[in-house]
Every structure is written in C-alpha cells, then in structure tokens.
Amino acid sequence: GGLALARAAALAGAAGWRPERDERGAPRPSAGWHWTNTNTRGLAAALVAPVPVGIDAEWAHRPRFEAARARFDRDDPGELARAGGRDREHVLLLWTAKEAVLKLTRAGIADLGRTSLTAVLGGERLRLESRGEEYEVRALRWNAHLIAVAYPPETSPAVELVALEGAEG
C-alpha cells in the first residue's frame, strides 16, 4: 500500500506531500491534497488528488459474493437491475462503487444501505446518492480486479493505472 500511495502522490504532482490520518485512522486531507487507498487479493491501489476522492477494489473471483447480493436485494430490491445484472461482476462492481463513496464521505460500512445507485451514466460511470448528496463513480477493470473511484460530480480526477515494479496487476 505504501508504494502505491507514494507512486500516486508522484503522479499527482504532490512533491514533498505526506499523508495524514485522523483519529480513526482514516485518510485526512492535508496540504491541499486528498488521498485514498485500498487493497484486495493481488492488488494495492491508491489515489492522491486535489479534490475529495474514494477508491475501492475487489478481486473479480472473490468467493461468497452472494452475501453482498442478498444485502443489496434487502436494502433496495431493484438496485442490481439498475446496475445491469445480478451476476458476480455486477454485484462486485456495485459493492466497490458503494465502498468508494463511503471512503470519499468518510462514512463507515453501516452507511452502505444508505448509499444507492441512482443512474448508470455510460462510459463506465455511475451516479450514487448517499445521505442526500450525489457522487460519480468511475468503474475500472484491471486484470482480475474491479476498481471504483468516487468523486464529487463537478470534478473528474485523472486516474492512471500503473503496474509497479515487481508487482502483479
């Protein structure tokens, strides 16, 4: 994770910037930069930007995705249909999108049910609502991983996927 964060800061042009955490250990904006990170089987990812951002990733072959599908059905029965399907990829894509929004808003997993898909915008972009605010999410695929980057709708941070030396993507 630290290597991915250092590379993300360099790509953003945040020379000399150091990440800070709040009292809960969550990323805290500092020196005009916002940051977020995630890791899952076979992937560590980070993003540093001058605007609020959230990132989440899942291994596309994650077992036990059915629990997430059941939760979505319970919270909002039509949500997976709006997302495009009930298969593993759509379930995990929606999960990563919601988690990215939660990281952006600095909310906990308890707010997952308060975050809902409102539109599929095309071009791998989604719109989600959480606690009365709307956010856009860019959905990406990186080898065997699904990655979601959340940001306020009036912004569109640059996202570059880079394989680090000695790392698998």
N, C-alpha and C. Protein backbone atom coordinates (compact mmCIF):
# COMPACT_ATOMS: atom_id res chain seq x y z
N GLY A 1 0.80 -1.20 0.00
CA GLY A 1 0.00 0.00 0.00
C GLY A 1 0.83 1.26 0.00
N GLY A 2 1.95 1.28 0.76
CA GLY A 2 2.77 2.48 0.84
C GLY A 2 3.42 2.83 -0.48
N LEU A 3 3.85 1.81 -1.22
CA LEU A 3 4.46 2.02 -2.52
C LEU A 3 3.44 2.60 -3.50
N ALA A 4 2.21 2.06 -3.48
CA ALA A 4 1.15 2.57 -4.36
C ALA A 4 0.83 4.02 -4.00
N LEU A 5 0.78 4.35 -2.72
CA LEU A 5 0.48 5.72 -2.30
C LEU A 5 1.60 6.68 -2.71
N ALA A 6 2.85 6.27 -2.54
CA ALA A 6 3.97 7.12 -2.95
C ALA A 6 3.93 7.38 -4.45
N ARG A 7 3.62 6.34 -5.22
CA ARG A 7 3.54 6.49 -6.69
C ARG A 7 2.37 7.39 -7.07
N ALA A 8 1.24 7.24 -6.40
CA ALA A 8 0.07 8.08 -6.67
C ALA A 8 0.38 9.55 -6.39
N ALA A 9 1.09 9.82 -5.30
CA ALA A 9 1.46 11.20 -4.96
C ALA A 9 2.38 11.77 -6.03
N ALA A 10 3.35 10.99 -6.48
CA ALA A 10 4.26 11.45 -7.52
C ALA A 10 3.51 11.75 -8.82
N LEU A 11 2.59 10.85 -9.21
CA LEU A 11 1.81 11.06 -10.43
C LEU A 11 0.93 12.30 -10.34
N ALA A 12 0.44 12.61 -9.13
CA ALA A 12 -0.43 13.78 -8.94
C ALA A 12 0.37 15.08 -8.89
N GLY A 13 1.68 14.99 -8.76
CA GLY A 13 2.50 16.18 -8.65
C GLY A 13 2.56 16.72 -7.24
N ALA A 14 2.31 15.88 -6.26
CA ALA A 14 2.30 16.28 -4.85
C ALA A 14 3.69 16.09 -4.24
N ALA A 15 4.66 16.84 -4.78
CA ALA A 15 6.04 16.72 -4.30
C ALA A 15 6.14 17.12 -2.84
N GLY A 16 6.79 16.28 -2.04
CA GLY A 16 7.00 16.57 -0.63
C GLY A 16 5.78 16.35 0.25
N TRP A 17 4.69 15.96 -0.33
CA TRP A 17 3.46 15.73 0.43
C TRP A 17 3.58 14.45 1.26
N ARG A 18 3.01 14.48 2.45
CA ARG A 18 2.98 13.30 3.32
C ARG A 18 1.53 13.05 3.74
N PRO A 19 1.07 11.81 3.65
CA PRO A 19 -0.31 11.51 4.04
C PRO A 19 -0.53 11.66 5.54
N GLU A 20 -1.71 12.09 5.91
CA GLU A 20 -2.09 12.18 7.32
C GLU A 20 -3.35 11.37 7.54
N ARG A 21 -3.53 10.92 8.78
CA ARG A 21 -4.73 10.16 9.16
C ARG A 21 -5.42 10.87 10.31
N ASP A 22 -6.74 10.68 10.39
CA ASP A 22 -7.48 11.26 11.50
C ASP A 22 -7.42 10.32 12.71
N GLU A 23 -8.16 10.66 13.75
CA GLU A 23 -8.12 9.87 14.99
C GLU A 23 -8.64 8.45 14.81
N ARG A 24 -9.45 8.21 13.77
CA ARG A 24 -9.95 6.86 13.49
C ARG A 24 -9.02 6.08 12.58
N GLY A 25 -7.97 6.74 12.09
CA GLY A 25 -7.03 6.09 11.18
C GLY A 25 -7.40 6.26 9.71
N ALA A 26 -8.46 7.03 9.44
CA ALA A 26 -8.90 7.26 8.06
C ALA A 26 -8.06 8.36 7.41
N PRO A 27 -7.91 8.31 6.09
CA PRO A 27 -7.16 9.37 5.40
C PRO A 27 -7.74 10.75 5.69
N ARG A 28 -6.84 11.70 5.96
CA ARG A 28 -7.25 13.08 6.22
C ARG A 28 -6.59 13.98 5.16
N PRO A 29 -7.37 14.89 4.56
CA PRO A 29 -6.76 15.82 3.60
C PRO A 29 -5.67 16.64 4.29
N SER A 30 -4.60 16.90 3.55
CA SER A 30 -3.50 17.71 4.10
C SER A 30 -2.80 18.44 2.96
N ALA A 31 -2.38 19.66 3.24
CA ALA A 31 -1.62 20.48 2.29
C ALA A 31 -2.33 20.58 0.93
N GLY A 32 -3.67 20.58 0.94
CA GLY A 32 -4.43 20.71 -0.30
C GLY A 32 -4.63 19.42 -1.08
N TRP A 33 -4.21 18.29 -0.52
CA TRP A 33 -4.33 17.01 -1.21
C TRP A 33 -5.24 16.07 -0.44
N HIS A 34 -6.07 15.35 -1.18
CA HIS A 34 -6.94 14.31 -0.63
C HIS A 34 -6.34 12.98 -1.07
N TRP A 35 -6.50 11.96 -0.24
CA TRP A 35 -5.96 10.66 -0.63
C TRP A 35 -6.86 9.54 -0.16
N THR A 36 -6.70 8.40 -0.80
CA THR A 36 -7.48 7.21 -0.50
C THR A 36 -6.67 6.00 -0.95
N ASN A 37 -6.91 4.88 -0.33
CA ASN A 37 -6.21 3.66 -0.74
C ASN A 37 -7.09 2.45 -0.48
N THR A 38 -6.70 1.34 -1.08
CA THR A 38 -7.43 0.09 -0.93
C THR A 38 -6.50 -1.07 -1.24
N ASN A 39 -6.86 -2.24 -0.78
CA ASN A 39 -6.13 -3.43 -1.18
C ASN A 39 -7.09 -4.62 -1.14
N THR A 40 -6.79 -5.57 -1.97
CA THR A 40 -7.54 -6.81 -2.05
C THR A 40 -6.57 -7.86 -2.58
N ARG A 41 -7.02 -9.06 -2.71
CA ARG A 41 -6.14 -10.13 -3.17
C ARG A 41 -5.44 -9.74 -4.48
N GLY A 42 -4.12 -9.62 -4.42
CA GLY A 42 -3.32 -9.36 -5.61
C GLY A 42 -3.25 -7.91 -6.05
N LEU A 43 -3.77 -6.96 -5.25
CA LEU A 43 -3.78 -5.56 -5.69
C LEU A 43 -3.74 -4.61 -4.51
N ALA A 44 -2.88 -3.60 -4.62
CA ALA A 44 -2.90 -2.45 -3.72
C ALA A 44 -3.03 -1.24 -4.63
N ALA A 45 -3.93 -0.32 -4.30
CA ALA A 45 -4.16 0.85 -5.14
C ALA A 45 -4.31 2.08 -4.26
N ALA A 46 -3.93 3.22 -4.81
CA ALA A 46 -4.04 4.49 -4.09
C ALA A 46 -4.29 5.60 -5.09
N LEU A 47 -4.86 6.69 -4.59
CA LEU A 47 -5.14 7.86 -5.41
C LEU A 47 -4.90 9.09 -4.56
N VAL A 48 -4.19 10.07 -5.12
CA VAL A 48 -3.96 11.37 -4.49
C VAL A 48 -4.48 12.40 -5.48
N ALA A 49 -5.31 13.33 -4.99
CA ALA A 49 -5.93 14.31 -5.89
C ALA A 49 -6.20 15.62 -5.14
N PRO A 50 -6.36 16.73 -5.89
CA PRO A 50 -6.69 18.00 -5.25
C PRO A 50 -8.17 18.13 -4.90
N VAL A 51 -8.94 17.08 -5.15
CA VAL A 51 -10.37 17.05 -4.83
C VAL A 51 -10.66 15.80 -3.99
N PRO A 52 -11.76 15.79 -3.23
CA PRO A 52 -12.09 14.59 -2.46
C PRO A 52 -12.26 13.38 -3.38
N VAL A 53 -11.70 12.24 -2.96
CA VAL A 53 -11.78 11.01 -3.74
C VAL A 53 -11.92 9.82 -2.80
N GLY A 54 -12.44 8.74 -3.34
CA GLY A 54 -12.52 7.47 -2.63
C GLY A 54 -12.23 6.36 -3.62
N ILE A 55 -11.54 5.31 -3.19
CA ILE A 55 -11.23 4.19 -4.08
C ILE A 55 -11.51 2.88 -3.35
N ASP A 56 -12.00 1.90 -4.10
CA ASP A 56 -12.15 0.56 -3.56
C ASP A 56 -11.89 -0.43 -4.68
N ALA A 57 -11.47 -1.62 -4.34
CA ALA A 57 -11.18 -2.67 -5.32
C ALA A 57 -11.60 -4.01 -4.77
N GLU A 58 -11.96 -4.89 -5.65
CA GLU A 58 -12.28 -6.28 -5.30
C GLU A 58 -11.66 -7.19 -6.34
N TRP A 59 -11.22 -8.33 -5.89
CA TRP A 59 -10.78 -9.39 -6.79
C TRP A 59 -12.03 -9.92 -7.48
N ALA A 60 -12.01 -9.97 -8.80
CA ALA A 60 -13.19 -10.35 -9.57
C ALA A 60 -13.66 -11.78 -9.31
N HIS A 61 -12.80 -12.61 -8.76
CA HIS A 61 -13.17 -14.00 -8.49
C HIS A 61 -13.44 -14.25 -7.01
N ARG A 62 -13.72 -13.19 -6.30
CA ARG A 62 -13.97 -13.28 -4.85
C ARG A 62 -15.09 -14.28 -4.56
N PRO A 63 -14.82 -15.23 -3.69
CA PRO A 63 -15.88 -16.15 -3.31
C PRO A 63 -16.88 -15.44 -2.38
N ARG A 64 -18.00 -16.03 -2.21
CA ARG A 64 -19.02 -15.53 -1.27
C ARG A 64 -19.57 -14.15 -1.63
N PHE A 65 -19.69 -13.84 -2.91
CA PHE A 65 -20.29 -12.57 -3.31
C PHE A 65 -21.81 -12.59 -3.10
N GLU A 66 -22.36 -13.79 -2.86
CA GLU A 66 -23.81 -13.91 -2.69
C GLU A 66 -24.31 -13.13 -1.48
N ALA A 67 -23.50 -12.99 -0.44
CA ALA A 67 -23.92 -12.22 0.74
C ALA A 67 -24.13 -10.76 0.37
N ALA A 68 -23.26 -10.22 -0.48
CA ALA A 68 -23.43 -8.83 -0.93
C ALA A 68 -24.70 -8.72 -1.77
N ARG A 69 -24.94 -9.70 -2.64
CA ARG A 69 -26.15 -9.68 -3.47
C ARG A 69 -27.40 -9.72 -2.59
N ALA A 70 -27.40 -10.54 -1.56
CA ALA A 70 -28.55 -10.63 -0.64
C ALA A 70 -28.76 -9.30 0.08
N ARG A 71 -27.66 -8.67 0.47
CA ARG A 71 -27.80 -7.37 1.16
C ARG A 71 -28.40 -6.33 0.23
N PHE A 72 -27.93 -6.27 -1.02
CA PHE A 72 -28.49 -5.32 -1.98
C PHE A 72 -29.97 -5.58 -2.20
N ASP A 73 -30.35 -6.85 -2.32
CA ASP A 73 -31.77 -7.21 -2.50
C ASP A 73 -32.60 -6.75 -1.32
N ARG A 74 -32.06 -6.87 -0.13
CA ARG A 74 -32.77 -6.47 1.08
C ARG A 74 -32.88 -4.94 1.17
N ASP A 75 -31.78 -4.23 0.88
CA ASP A 75 -31.76 -2.77 1.01
C ASP A 75 -32.56 -2.07 -0.09
N ASP A 76 -32.46 -2.55 -1.34
CA ASP A 76 -33.12 -1.92 -2.49
C ASP A 76 -33.31 -2.98 -3.57
N PRO A 77 -34.46 -3.65 -3.58
CA PRO A 77 -34.67 -4.79 -4.47
C PRO A 77 -34.41 -4.54 -5.96
N GLY A 78 -34.55 -3.32 -6.46
CA GLY A 78 -34.33 -3.05 -7.88
C GLY A 78 -32.94 -2.56 -8.23
N GLU A 79 -32.09 -2.42 -7.23
CA GLU A 79 -30.79 -1.79 -7.48
C GLU A 79 -29.89 -2.59 -8.41
N LEU A 80 -29.82 -3.89 -8.25
CA LEU A 80 -28.96 -4.69 -9.12
C LEU A 80 -29.47 -4.69 -10.56
N ALA A 81 -30.77 -4.62 -10.76
CA ALA A 81 -31.30 -4.50 -12.12
C ALA A 81 -30.83 -3.18 -12.74
N ARG A 82 -30.86 -2.10 -11.95
CA ARG A 82 -30.38 -0.81 -12.46
C ARG A 82 -28.88 -0.86 -12.76
N ALA A 83 -28.15 -1.67 -11.99
CA ALA A 83 -26.70 -1.81 -12.19
C ALA A 83 -26.36 -2.65 -13.42
N GLY A 84 -27.32 -3.41 -13.92
CA GLY A 84 -27.09 -4.20 -15.12
C GLY A 84 -27.18 -5.69 -14.95
N GLY A 85 -27.33 -6.20 -13.73
CA GLY A 85 -27.46 -7.64 -13.56
C GLY A 85 -27.17 -8.10 -12.16
N ARG A 86 -27.44 -9.39 -11.93
CA ARG A 86 -27.27 -9.99 -10.60
C ARG A 86 -26.07 -10.93 -10.55
N ASP A 87 -25.28 -10.95 -11.62
CA ASP A 87 -24.10 -11.83 -11.68
C ASP A 87 -22.97 -11.28 -10.80
N ARG A 88 -21.95 -12.08 -10.62
CA ARG A 88 -20.82 -11.74 -9.75
C ARG A 88 -20.23 -10.37 -10.11
N GLU A 89 -19.97 -10.13 -11.40
CA GLU A 89 -19.32 -8.87 -11.79
C GLU A 89 -20.16 -7.65 -11.43
N HIS A 90 -21.46 -7.68 -11.69
CA HIS A 90 -22.31 -6.53 -11.36
C HIS A 90 -22.43 -6.33 -9.85
N VAL A 91 -22.53 -7.43 -9.12
CA VAL A 91 -22.61 -7.33 -7.65
C VAL A 91 -21.33 -6.70 -7.10
N LEU A 92 -20.17 -7.20 -7.55
CA LEU A 92 -18.91 -6.68 -7.03
C LEU A 92 -18.64 -5.25 -7.50
N LEU A 93 -19.07 -4.92 -8.71
CA LEU A 93 -18.91 -3.55 -9.19
C LEU A 93 -19.74 -2.58 -8.35
N LEU A 94 -20.98 -2.97 -8.04
CA LEU A 94 -21.82 -2.12 -7.19
C LEU A 94 -21.23 -2.03 -5.79
N TRP A 95 -20.72 -3.14 -5.26
CA TRP A 95 -20.10 -3.13 -3.94
C TRP A 95 -18.91 -2.17 -3.91
N THR A 96 -18.02 -2.26 -4.91
CA THR A 96 -16.86 -1.38 -4.92
C THR A 96 -17.28 0.08 -5.08
N ALA A 97 -18.30 0.33 -5.89
CA ALA A 97 -18.78 1.71 -6.07
C ALA A 97 -19.28 2.28 -4.75
N LYS A 98 -20.07 1.50 -4.03
CA LYS A 98 -20.58 1.97 -2.74
C LYS A 98 -19.46 2.17 -1.72
N GLU A 99 -18.53 1.23 -1.66
CA GLU A 99 -17.41 1.36 -0.74
C GLU A 99 -16.56 2.60 -1.07
N ALA A 100 -16.36 2.87 -2.35
CA ALA A 100 -15.59 4.06 -2.74
C ALA A 100 -16.29 5.33 -2.27
N VAL A 101 -17.62 5.38 -2.39
CA VAL A 101 -18.39 6.54 -1.91
C VAL A 101 -18.26 6.65 -0.39
N LEU A 102 -18.34 5.53 0.31
CA LEU A 102 -18.18 5.57 1.77
C LEU A 102 -16.81 6.11 2.16
N LYS A 103 -15.77 5.72 1.44
CA LYS A 103 -14.44 6.24 1.74
C LYS A 103 -14.36 7.73 1.44
N LEU A 104 -14.96 8.16 0.34
CA LEU A 104 -14.98 9.58 -0.02
C LEU A 104 -15.67 10.41 1.06
N THR A 105 -16.80 9.91 1.55
CA THR A 105 -17.58 10.67 2.54
C THR A 105 -17.10 10.43 3.96
N ARG A 106 -16.11 9.56 4.12
CA ARG A 106 -15.55 9.23 5.44
C ARG A 106 -16.60 8.58 6.34
N ALA A 107 -17.52 7.84 5.73
CA ALA A 107 -18.57 7.13 6.45
C ALA A 107 -18.13 5.69 6.69
N GLY A 108 -18.80 5.01 7.57
CA GLY A 108 -18.49 3.62 7.85
C GLY A 108 -19.37 2.67 7.06
N ILE A 109 -19.07 1.39 7.17
CA ILE A 109 -19.81 0.35 6.46
C ILE A 109 -21.29 0.34 6.86
N ALA A 110 -21.61 0.87 8.03
CA ALA A 110 -23.01 0.93 8.46
C ALA A 110 -23.85 1.79 7.51
N ASP A 111 -23.21 2.69 6.76
CA ASP A 111 -23.92 3.54 5.81
C ASP A 111 -24.07 2.91 4.43
N LEU A 112 -23.63 1.68 4.26
CA LEU A 112 -23.74 1.03 2.95
C LEU A 112 -25.18 1.02 2.45
N GLY A 113 -26.13 0.71 3.32
CA GLY A 113 -27.55 0.66 2.93
C GLY A 113 -28.15 2.03 2.67
N ARG A 114 -27.45 3.09 3.07
CA ARG A 114 -27.92 4.46 2.82
C ARG A 114 -27.29 5.04 1.56
N THR A 115 -26.56 4.22 0.84
CA THR A 115 -25.88 4.64 -0.39
C THR A 115 -26.50 3.84 -1.53
N SER A 116 -27.09 4.55 -2.51
CA SER A 116 -27.77 3.83 -3.58
C SER A 116 -27.41 4.32 -4.97
N LEU A 117 -27.47 3.38 -5.89
CA LEU A 117 -27.24 3.66 -7.30
C LEU A 117 -28.44 4.42 -7.83
N THR A 118 -28.20 5.60 -8.43
CA THR A 118 -29.30 6.38 -9.00
C THR A 118 -29.27 6.39 -10.52
N ALA A 119 -28.09 6.17 -11.13
CA ALA A 119 -28.02 6.18 -12.60
C ALA A 119 -26.76 5.49 -13.08
N VAL A 120 -26.87 4.85 -14.23
CA VAL A 120 -25.71 4.36 -14.96
C VAL A 120 -25.51 5.38 -16.08
N LEU A 121 -24.39 6.09 -16.04
CA LEU A 121 -24.17 7.22 -16.94
C LEU A 121 -23.51 6.82 -18.26
N GLY A 122 -23.03 5.62 -18.35
CA GLY A 122 -22.32 5.19 -19.55
C GLY A 122 -20.83 5.49 -19.41
N GLY A 123 -20.05 4.92 -20.30
CA GLY A 123 -18.61 5.13 -20.23
C GLY A 123 -18.01 4.68 -18.92
N GLU A 124 -18.57 3.61 -18.35
CA GLU A 124 -18.07 3.06 -17.08
C GLU A 124 -18.27 4.02 -15.90
N ARG A 125 -19.24 4.91 -16.00
CA ARG A 125 -19.51 5.84 -14.91
C ARG A 125 -20.89 5.59 -14.32
N LEU A 126 -20.97 5.74 -13.00
CA LEU A 126 -22.22 5.55 -12.27
C LEU A 126 -22.48 6.80 -11.44
N ARG A 127 -23.73 7.00 -11.06
CA ARG A 127 -24.06 8.06 -10.10
C ARG A 127 -24.69 7.38 -8.90
N LEU A 128 -24.19 7.72 -7.72
CA LEU A 128 -24.72 7.19 -6.48
C LEU A 128 -25.11 8.34 -5.56
N GLU A 129 -26.05 8.07 -4.68
CA GLU A 129 -26.51 9.04 -3.70
C GLU A 129 -26.24 8.48 -2.32
N SER A 130 -25.76 9.34 -1.43
CA SER A 130 -25.52 8.94 -0.05
C SER A 130 -25.84 10.12 0.84
N ARG A 131 -26.79 9.90 1.75
CA ARG A 131 -27.19 10.94 2.71
C ARG A 131 -27.55 12.26 2.03
N GLY A 132 -28.28 12.18 0.91
CA GLY A 132 -28.77 13.36 0.23
C GLY A 132 -27.80 14.02 -0.73
N GLU A 133 -26.59 13.50 -0.85
CA GLU A 133 -25.59 14.06 -1.77
C GLU A 133 -25.33 13.08 -2.90
N GLU A 134 -25.07 13.61 -4.10
CA GLU A 134 -24.76 12.75 -5.24
C GLU A 134 -23.26 12.71 -5.49
N TYR A 135 -22.80 11.55 -5.97
CA TYR A 135 -21.40 11.34 -6.29
C TYR A 135 -21.31 10.55 -7.59
N GLU A 136 -20.24 10.78 -8.32
CA GLU A 136 -19.98 9.97 -9.51
C GLU A 136 -18.92 8.94 -9.18
N VAL A 137 -19.01 7.81 -9.86
CA VAL A 137 -18.05 6.73 -9.66
C VAL A 137 -17.60 6.25 -11.03
N ARG A 138 -16.31 6.16 -11.19
CA ARG A 138 -15.74 5.59 -12.42
C ARG A 138 -15.38 4.14 -12.11
N ALA A 139 -15.92 3.22 -12.89
CA ALA A 139 -15.66 1.79 -12.70
C ALA A 139 -14.57 1.35 -13.68
N LEU A 140 -13.56 0.69 -13.15
CA LEU A 140 -12.43 0.26 -13.96
C LEU A 140 -12.19 -1.23 -13.77
N ARG A 141 -11.59 -1.83 -14.77
CA ARG A 141 -11.18 -3.23 -14.68
C ARG A 141 -9.67 -3.28 -14.87
N TRP A 142 -8.99 -4.00 -14.00
CA TRP A 142 -7.53 -4.15 -14.08
C TRP A 142 -7.24 -5.62 -13.90
N ASN A 143 -6.98 -6.30 -14.99
CA ASN A 143 -6.76 -7.74 -14.98
C ASN A 143 -7.90 -8.43 -14.23
N ALA A 144 -7.62 -9.07 -13.11
CA ALA A 144 -8.65 -9.82 -12.38
C ALA A 144 -9.26 -8.98 -11.26
N HIS A 145 -9.30 -7.65 -11.42
CA HIS A 145 -9.81 -6.79 -10.37
C HIS A 145 -10.82 -5.78 -10.90
N LEU A 146 -11.76 -5.43 -10.03
CA LEU A 146 -12.72 -4.37 -10.31
C LEU A 146 -12.36 -3.22 -9.36
N ILE A 147 -12.25 -2.03 -9.90
CA ILE A 147 -11.84 -0.86 -9.14
C ILE A 147 -12.87 0.24 -9.34
N ALA A 148 -13.22 0.92 -8.26
CA ALA A 148 -14.16 2.04 -8.33
C ALA A 148 -13.51 3.27 -7.72
N VAL A 149 -13.62 4.40 -8.41
CA VAL A 149 -13.11 5.68 -7.94
C VAL A 149 -14.29 6.63 -7.83
N ALA A 150 -14.55 7.14 -6.62
CA ALA A 150 -15.67 8.05 -6.37
C ALA A 150 -15.16 9.48 -6.21
N TYR A 151 -15.98 10.43 -6.68
CA TYR A 151 -15.62 11.85 -6.60
C TYR A 151 -16.88 12.69 -6.71
N PRO A 152 -16.82 13.95 -6.26
CA PRO A 152 -17.99 14.83 -6.42
C PRO A 152 -18.28 15.02 -7.91
N PRO A 153 -19.56 15.15 -8.30
CA PRO A 153 -19.90 15.18 -9.73
C PRO A 153 -19.32 16.36 -10.50
N GLU A 154 -19.01 17.46 -9.85
CA GLU A 154 -18.47 18.61 -10.58
C GLU A 154 -16.98 18.49 -10.86
N THR A 155 -16.38 17.40 -10.41
CA THR A 155 -14.96 17.16 -10.63
C THR A 155 -14.80 15.88 -11.43
N SER A 156 -13.63 15.66 -11.95
CA SER A 156 -13.33 14.40 -12.62
C SER A 156 -11.82 14.18 -12.54
N PRO A 157 -11.36 13.62 -11.41
CA PRO A 157 -9.92 13.46 -11.24
C PRO A 157 -9.32 12.51 -12.27
N ALA A 158 -8.10 12.80 -12.65
CA ALA A 158 -7.38 11.91 -13.57
C ALA A 158 -7.05 10.62 -12.83
N VAL A 159 -7.25 9.51 -13.50
CA VAL A 159 -6.94 8.21 -12.92
C VAL A 159 -6.03 7.49 -13.89
N GLU A 160 -4.89 7.05 -13.39
CA GLU A 160 -3.94 6.32 -14.20
C GLU A 160 -3.61 5.02 -13.49
N LEU A 161 -3.79 3.91 -14.19
CA LEU A 161 -3.45 2.61 -13.61
C LEU A 161 -2.01 2.28 -14.02
N VAL A 162 -1.18 1.98 -13.02
CA VAL A 162 0.23 1.73 -13.26
C VAL A 162 0.61 0.47 -12.51
N ALA A 163 1.26 -0.45 -13.21
CA ALA A 163 1.81 -1.63 -12.54
C ALA A 163 3.16 -1.26 -11.98
N LEU A 164 3.36 -1.48 -10.69
CA LEU A 164 4.62 -1.14 -10.06
C LEU A 164 5.63 -2.26 -10.25
N GLU A 165 6.88 -1.91 -10.31
CA GLU A 165 7.96 -2.87 -10.49
C GLU A 165 7.85 -3.99 -9.47
N GLY A 166 7.83 -5.22 -9.93
CA GLY A 166 7.77 -6.36 -9.05
C GLY A 166 6.38 -6.68 -8.54
N ALA A 167 5.38 -5.91 -8.97
CA ALA A 167 4.00 -6.15 -8.53
C ALA A 167 3.22 -6.76 -9.67
N GLU A 168 2.23 -7.54 -9.30
CA GLU A 168 1.34 -8.12 -10.31
C GLU A 168 0.07 -7.31 -10.36
N GLY A 169 -0.51 -7.13 -11.56
CA GLY A 169 -1.74 -6.33 -11.70
C GLY A 169 -2.91 -7.10 -11.89
